[in-house]
Amino acid sequence: MSSVPVGPLPSNGAPAPAVAALSRRDRAARLAPIAKRAMDVAIAGLALLVAAPFFLIVAALVRADGGPAFYAHPRVGRGGRIFGCLKFRSMVVDSQARLEALLAADPAARAEWEATRKLRNDPRITRIGRFLRATSLDELPQLINVLKGEMSIVGPRPVTQAELDRYYGAAAAHYLSVRPGITGLWQVSGRSETSYDQRVALDVAYVSQASLLGDIRILLRTPAAVLSRRGAH
């Protein structure tokens, strides 16, 4: 019986075409983070240049309400690194004290906070802050976080250490494997209308299926999600 030629075999015994395919996949896997970072820097840099005059106007309006224009809230980044997540200040200066007083006095508000970590009628939000949140403009300073390598344009929603410890469980490994993003599946899937368990599931789904093409799809969906103001509070 004649033998069937299979082509040259490498030292591990696998057919050469299979090895070539593996090599291409490995190369693509190595290049994907580089391509994503390049896209992050390009988009963030261009957006900051274009939005610079707007930044100055918003900063002046926020300061006119009393207090600083920006604040940096500690959030967990890739690998567990804590960083200051930048935002235009949208709350009163004594927001934490007001939150604690409200949750102690209002069981319904406490239940809403425990379920979503959000309040639909949040008394801490300033007048200009309500507009900034409804349009997601309060998050524009996070472009600076992107340039610093602390965040990505697209990724999981940045969370606090307390949120990560309480809600993520085994899913924390997924969250910690990537940079959190300015936008992501949560942003285009209802934002504050989703439960916290749903947000965690969206983070896991994003990391499990992450790709540059997927990021572009999310970016294209983001303007419509922002303009609809669905779940924006």
Protein backbone atom coordinates (compact mmCIF):
# COMPACT_ATOMS: atom_id res chain seq x y z
CA MET A 1 0.00 0.00 0.00
CA SER A 2 1.41 3.39 -0.97
CA SER A 3 1.77 6.07 1.67
CA VAL A 4 0.00 9.44 1.49
CA PRO A 5 2.37 12.43 1.55
CA VAL A 6 1.60 14.93 4.31
CA GLY A 7 4.42 17.39 3.74
CA PRO A 8 7.37 18.05 5.95
CA LEU A 9 6.90 17.58 9.65
CA PRO A 10 8.52 19.88 12.21
CA SER A 11 10.28 18.46 15.22
CA ASN A 12 7.04 18.22 17.27
CA GLY A 13 5.38 16.01 14.60
CA ALA A 14 2.63 18.47 13.56
CA PRO A 15 2.02 19.10 9.83
CA ALA A 16 3.66 22.31 8.61
CA PRO A 17 0.35 24.04 7.62
CA ALA A 18 -1.02 23.51 11.13
CA VAL A 19 2.13 24.98 12.64
CA ALA A 20 1.88 27.97 10.30
CA ALA A 21 -1.73 28.55 11.34
CA LEU A 22 -0.77 28.40 15.01
CA SER A 23 2.06 30.81 14.34
CA ARG A 24 -0.32 33.28 12.70
CA ARG A 25 -2.74 33.07 15.61
CA ASP A 26 0.09 33.57 18.11
CA ARG A 27 1.35 36.56 16.15
CA ALA A 28 -2.15 38.06 16.01
CA ALA A 29 -2.57 37.52 19.76
CA ARG A 30 0.72 39.34 20.42
CA LEU A 31 -0.14 42.24 18.12
CA ALA A 32 -3.72 42.76 19.37
CA PRO A 33 -2.75 44.61 22.60
CA ILE A 34 -0.33 46.80 20.64
CA ALA A 35 -3.02 47.68 18.10
CA LYS A 36 -5.56 48.40 20.86
CA ARG A 37 -3.11 50.67 22.68
CA ALA A 38 -2.28 52.51 19.45
CA MET A 39 -6.00 53.08 18.83
CA ASP A 40 -6.43 54.31 22.42
CA VAL A 41 -3.62 56.86 22.15
CA ALA A 42 -4.73 58.09 18.71
CA ILE A 43 -8.38 58.57 19.71
CA ALA A 44 -7.64 60.09 23.13
CA GLY A 45 -4.99 62.46 21.79
CA LEU A 46 -7.15 63.70 18.94
CA ALA A 47 -10.23 64.04 21.15
CA LEU A 48 -8.33 66.09 23.73
CA LEU A 49 -7.03 68.46 21.06
CA VAL A 50 -10.48 68.97 19.56
CA ALA A 51 -12.25 69.27 22.92
CA ALA A 52 -9.72 71.58 24.64
CA PRO A 53 -11.89 74.74 24.36
CA PHE A 54 -14.93 72.81 25.58
CA PHE A 55 -12.91 71.51 28.55
CA LEU A 56 -12.15 75.07 29.62
CA ILE A 57 -15.80 76.13 29.37
CA VAL A 58 -17.10 73.15 31.35
CA ALA A 59 -14.38 73.52 33.98
CA ALA A 60 -15.37 77.16 34.49
CA LEU A 61 -19.06 76.25 34.82
CA VAL A 62 -18.34 73.52 37.37
CA ARG A 63 -16.09 75.80 39.42
CA ALA A 64 -18.79 78.48 39.40
CA ASP A 65 -21.00 76.04 41.30
CA GLY A 66 -18.43 75.97 44.09
CA GLY A 67 -15.53 73.55 44.55
CA PRO A 68 -12.97 72.09 42.15
CA ALA A 69 -13.67 71.41 38.48
CA PHE A 70 -12.29 67.86 38.56
CA TYR A 71 -12.10 65.00 40.99
CA ALA A 72 -10.18 61.75 40.92
CA HIS A 73 -11.95 58.75 42.44
CA PRO A 74 -9.84 55.67 43.34
CA ARG A 75 -10.65 52.82 40.95
CA VAL A 76 -9.09 49.43 40.27
CA GLY A 77 -7.11 49.10 37.05
CA ARG A 78 -5.44 46.26 35.22
CA GLY A 79 -3.57 43.91 37.52
CA GLY A 80 -5.21 45.44 40.61
CA ARG A 81 -3.40 48.76 40.34
CA ILE A 82 -5.33 51.62 41.99
CA PHE A 83 -5.54 54.85 39.98
CA GLY A 84 -7.40 58.14 40.16
CA CYS A 85 -10.29 57.96 37.67
CA LEU A 86 -10.79 61.54 36.47
CA LYS A 87 -14.18 63.19 35.99
CA PHE A 88 -15.68 66.63 35.90
CA ARG A 89 -17.14 67.09 39.37
CA SER A 90 -20.89 66.53 39.15
CA MET A 91 -21.70 66.33 42.86
CA VAL A 92 -21.67 68.68 45.82
CA VAL A 93 -18.42 68.84 47.74
CA ASP A 94 -19.81 66.99 50.81
CA SER A 95 -21.39 64.23 48.69
CA GLN A 96 -20.22 61.31 50.85
CA ALA A 97 -21.71 62.76 54.03
CA ARG A 98 -25.00 63.45 52.24
CA LEU A 99 -25.10 59.92 50.86
CA GLU A 100 -24.55 58.35 54.27
CA ALA A 101 -27.29 60.52 55.80
CA LEU A 102 -29.73 59.66 53.00
CA LEU A 103 -29.11 55.90 53.17
CA ALA A 104 -29.55 55.94 56.94
CA ALA A 105 -32.88 57.79 56.71
CA ASP A 106 -34.44 56.32 53.54
CA PRO A 107 -34.80 52.49 53.30
CA ALA A 108 -35.96 52.68 49.65
CA ALA A 109 -32.91 54.69 48.64
CA ARG A 110 -30.69 52.27 50.56
CA ALA A 111 -32.21 49.29 48.74
CA GLU A 112 -31.72 51.01 45.36
CA TRP A 113 -28.11 51.81 46.23
CA GLU A 114 -27.38 48.27 47.36
CA ALA A 115 -28.79 46.84 44.12
CA THR A 116 -27.20 49.18 41.58
CA ARG A 117 -24.75 51.50 43.41
CA LYS A 118 -26.74 54.31 41.75
CA LEU A 119 -29.65 56.55 42.77
CA ARG A 120 -32.20 57.64 40.18
CA ASN A 121 -32.99 60.82 42.13
CA ASP A 122 -29.60 61.55 43.63
CA PRO A 123 -29.71 64.73 45.78
CA ARG A 124 -25.92 65.04 45.67
CA ILE A 125 -25.81 65.95 41.97
CA THR A 126 -25.43 69.62 41.06
CA ARG A 127 -27.43 71.37 38.33
CA ILE A 128 -24.55 71.38 35.84
CA GLY A 129 -23.63 67.89 37.05
CA ARG A 130 -27.03 66.52 36.07
CA PHE A 131 -26.48 67.69 32.49
CA LEU A 132 -22.92 66.37 32.41
CA ARG A 133 -24.04 62.94 33.61
CA ALA A 134 -27.02 62.73 31.27
CA THR A 135 -24.70 63.36 28.32
CA SER A 136 -21.74 61.39 29.76
CA LEU A 137 -19.62 64.54 29.37
CA ASP A 138 -18.49 64.22 32.98
CA GLU A 139 -16.30 61.31 31.84
CA LEU A 140 -14.34 63.24 29.17
CA PRO A 141 -11.36 63.87 31.52
CA GLN A 142 -10.80 60.10 31.46
CA LEU A 143 -9.13 60.68 28.10
CA ILE A 144 -6.17 61.75 30.24
CA ASN A 145 -6.33 58.39 32.05
CA VAL A 146 -6.20 56.71 28.64
CA LEU A 147 -3.07 58.61 27.60
CA LYS A 148 -1.45 57.70 30.93
CA GLY A 149 -2.11 54.02 30.26
CA GLU A 150 -4.51 53.62 33.19
CA MET A 151 -7.63 53.17 31.07
CA SER A 152 -8.67 52.21 27.56
CA ILE A 153 -11.25 53.81 25.28
CA VAL A 154 -13.27 50.56 25.39
CA GLY A 155 -13.29 48.17 28.34
CA PRO A 156 -15.13 47.18 31.52
CA ARG A 157 -16.63 49.95 33.64
CA PRO A 158 -14.00 51.12 36.19
CA VAL A 159 -15.00 49.98 39.68
CA THR A 160 -13.86 50.59 43.24
CA GLN A 161 -12.01 48.00 45.30
CA ALA A 162 -15.11 47.57 47.48
CA GLU A 163 -17.27 46.84 44.42
CA LEU A 164 -14.72 44.38 43.05
CA ASP A 165 -14.52 42.52 46.38
CA ARG A 166 -18.28 42.43 46.95
CA TYR A 167 -19.77 41.75 43.53
CA TYR A 168 -17.25 40.12 41.22
CA GLY A 169 -16.12 36.91 42.91
CA ALA A 170 -14.44 34.64 40.34
CA ALA A 171 -15.21 37.22 37.63
CA ALA A 172 -12.62 39.54 39.18
CA ALA A 173 -9.92 37.73 37.19
CA HIS A 174 -11.59 38.82 33.96
CA TYR A 175 -11.87 42.43 35.13
CA LEU A 176 -8.25 42.60 36.28
CA SER A 177 -6.88 41.20 33.01
CA VAL A 178 -7.63 44.36 30.99
CA ARG A 179 -7.72 48.13 31.39
CA PRO A 180 -11.14 49.56 32.33
CA GLY A 181 -12.74 51.69 29.63
CA ILE A 182 -14.49 55.00 29.10
CA THR A 183 -17.16 53.14 27.16
CA GLY A 184 -18.02 49.46 26.90
CA LEU A 185 -20.83 46.94 26.83
CA TRP A 186 -22.31 48.46 29.99
CA GLN A 187 -22.42 51.91 28.38
CA VAL A 188 -24.31 50.67 25.32
CA SER A 189 -26.57 48.21 27.20
CA GLY A 190 -28.66 50.44 29.44
CA ARG A 191 -26.07 51.79 31.91
CA SER A 192 -27.82 52.42 35.24
CA GLU A 193 -30.91 50.45 34.17
CA THR A 194 -28.88 47.25 34.51
CA SER A 195 -28.47 45.41 37.81
CA TYR A 196 -25.00 44.97 39.23
CA ASP A 197 -25.03 41.26 38.40
CA GLN A 198 -25.80 42.17 34.80
CA ARG A 199 -22.88 44.60 34.75
CA VAL A 200 -20.50 41.90 35.96
CA ALA A 201 -21.83 39.53 33.28
CA LEU A 202 -21.26 42.22 30.63
CA ASP A 203 -17.67 42.69 31.82
CA VAL A 204 -17.02 38.94 31.60
CA ALA A 205 -18.60 38.80 28.13
CA TYR A 206 -16.45 41.69 26.91
CA VAL A 207 -13.17 40.22 28.16
CA SER A 208 -14.02 36.72 26.90
CA GLN A 209 -14.71 38.01 23.38
CA ALA A 210 -12.38 41.02 23.26
CA SER A 211 -11.17 42.06 19.82
CA LEU A 212 -10.28 45.24 17.98
CA LEU A 213 -13.30 44.79 15.72
CA GLY A 214 -15.52 44.34 18.77
CA ASP A 215 -14.14 47.57 20.26
CA ILE A 216 -14.93 49.42 17.04
CA ARG A 217 -18.51 48.08 17.10
CA ILE A 218 -18.94 49.33 20.67
CA LEU A 219 -17.50 52.73 19.73
CA LEU A 220 -19.97 53.02 16.86
CA ARG A 221 -22.87 52.19 19.21
CA THR A 222 -21.77 54.64 21.91
CA PRO A 223 -23.04 57.95 20.39
CA ALA A 224 -26.56 56.55 20.01
CA ALA A 225 -26.48 55.24 23.59
CA VAL A 226 -25.36 58.64 24.90
CA LEU A 227 -27.93 60.59 22.87
CA SER A 228 -30.75 58.30 23.99
CA ARG A 229 -29.81 59.04 27.63
CA ARG A 230 -31.09 55.59 28.53
CA GLY A 231 -30.02 54.75 32.08
CA ALA A 232 -28.11 58.03 32.43
CA HIS A 233 -28.41 59.15 36.03
